[in-house]
C-alpha cells in the first residue's frame, strides 16, 4: 500500500536556494507538472531518491534538474536521463514551514 504523504529529509545543495541541506519537506503522491519540485529515481540509480524540479515530459519519464545552477556536478536528467517521479513536494515542514512553489 502506498501512503499518500511522505516526509523527506533534504541532503545536499542541488536545490539551493529553494531547499537547503537539512530541510524537512512533505511530499504527496500526485501527477507532476512542469515547475513542480518532485521526488525521483533513475533507472541507472534505482536506490537513490532525489529531489529535483520538473522541466518537461521526457519519453516514459520526466526531465528534471536541480535549482542550484552553481552546483559542481549536475546529478539530474542532464547526466542520468529521464527520471521516474514518485511524489510532488508541496510543503517545507522545517526550519521555515510553508508551501513551496
Protein backbone atom coordinates (compact mmCIF):
# COMPACT_ATOMS: atom_id res chain seq x y z
CA UNK A 1 0.00 0.00 0.00
CA UNK A 2 1.32 3.41 -0.97
CA UNK A 3 0.92 6.16 1.62
CA UNK A 4 -0.45 9.47 0.26
CA UNK A 5 2.08 11.64 2.17
CA UNK A 6 5.80 11.22 2.70
CA UNK A 7 8.18 13.20 4.94
CA UNK A 8 11.69 13.59 3.45
CA UNK A 9 14.98 14.99 4.77
CA UNK A 10 16.83 17.06 2.14
CA UNK A 11 20.51 16.21 1.68
CA UNK A 12 22.95 18.21 -0.43
CA UNK A 13 22.97 21.59 -2.19
CA UNK A 14 21.35 20.72 -5.54
CA UNK A 15 18.05 22.51 -4.78
CA UNK A 16 19.52 25.69 -3.25
CA UNK A 17 18.29 28.35 -2.83
CA UNK A 18 14.79 26.79 -2.77
CA UNK A 19 15.72 23.99 -0.36
CA UNK A 20 18.77 23.57 1.86
CA UNK A 21 20.61 20.60 3.30
CA UNK A 22 18.73 19.59 6.45
CA UNK A 23 15.31 20.91 5.42
CA UNK A 24 12.39 18.56 6.04
CA UNK A 25 9.71 18.53 3.34
CA UNK A 26 6.35 16.86 2.82
CA UNK A 27 5.53 15.20 -0.50
CA UNK A 28 2.23 13.90 -1.83
CA UNK A 29 1.61 11.23 -4.46
CA UNK A 30 0.09 13.00 -7.48
CA UNK A 31 0.90 13.63 -11.12
CA UNK A 32 3.65 16.21 -11.62
CA UNK A 33 3.54 19.33 -13.77
CA UNK A 34 6.44 21.38 -15.17
CA UNK A 35 7.81 23.58 -12.40
CA UNK A 36 6.90 21.17 -9.58
CA UNK A 37 9.52 20.02 -7.07
CA UNK A 38 9.49 16.21 -7.03
CA UNK A 39 10.96 13.04 -5.52
CA UNK A 40 12.59 10.96 -8.25
CA UNK A 41 14.69 7.91 -9.04
CA UNK A 42 16.56 6.96 -12.22
CA UNK A 43 16.92 3.59 -13.91
CA UNK A 44 20.70 3.96 -13.63
CA UNK A 45 20.41 4.56 -9.85
CA UNK A 46 17.21 2.84 -8.65
CA UNK A 47 18.12 3.03 -4.96
CA UNK A 48 18.87 6.78 -4.99
CA UNK A 49 15.93 9.04 -4.11
CA UNK A 50 16.50 12.66 -5.14
CA UNK A 51 14.61 15.95 -5.00
CA UNK A 52 14.58 17.93 -8.27
CA UNK A 53 12.40 20.30 -10.29
CA UNK A 54 10.35 19.08 -13.27
CA UNK A 55 11.32 20.68 -16.58
CA UNK A 56 9.28 18.64 -19.07
CA UNK A 57 7.92 15.22 -20.03
CA UNK A 58 10.70 13.05 -21.47
CA UNK A 59 9.55 9.83 -23.11
CA UNK A 60 8.41 7.43 -20.38
CA UNK A 61 9.66 9.73 -17.61
CA UNK A 62 10.42 13.33 -16.76
CA UNK A 63 13.35 15.65 -17.44
CA UNK A 64 14.31 17.13 -14.05
CA UNK A 65 17.04 19.48 -12.81
CA UNK A 66 18.32 20.90 -9.56
CA UNK A 67 17.71 24.58 -8.80
CA UNK A 68 21.35 25.26 -7.89
CA UNK A 69 22.96 26.42 -11.11
CA UNK A 70 26.34 26.71 -9.35
CA UNK A 71 26.49 23.06 -8.22
CA UNK A 72 29.74 21.38 -9.25
CA UNK A 73 28.06 18.24 -10.51
CA UNK A 74 24.66 18.05 -12.12
CA UNK A 75 23.25 14.73 -10.94
CA UNK A 76 19.97 15.17 -12.74
CA UNK A 77 18.48 14.38 -16.14
CA UNK A 78 21.40 16.03 -17.94
CA UNK A 79 23.58 13.17 -16.65
CA UNK A 80 21.13 10.35 -15.91
CA UNK A 81 18.33 10.82 -18.46
CA UNK A 82 14.61 10.68 -17.77
CA UNK A 83 13.57 10.29 -14.14
CA UNK A 84 10.70 8.37 -12.59
CA UNK A 85 8.63 10.75 -10.41
CA UNK A 86 7.27 9.26 -7.17
CA UNK A 87 5.75 12.28 -5.42
CA UNK A 88 5.39 16.06 -5.59
CA UNK A 89 6.95 18.15 -2.80
CA UNK A 90 4.43 20.77 -1.68
CA UNK A 91 5.50 21.93 1.78
CA UNK A 92 8.61 22.59 3.84
CA UNK A 93 7.99 21.44 7.42
CA UNK A 94 11.28 22.60 8.94
CA UNK A 95 13.03 25.01 9.51
CA UNK A 96 10.78 27.56 7.75
CA UNK A 97 7.36 25.93 7.40
CA UNK A 98 5.35 26.87 4.36
CA UNK A 99 4.11 25.95 0.91
CA UNK A 100 6.71 25.59 -1.84
CA UNK A 101 6.19 26.86 -5.37
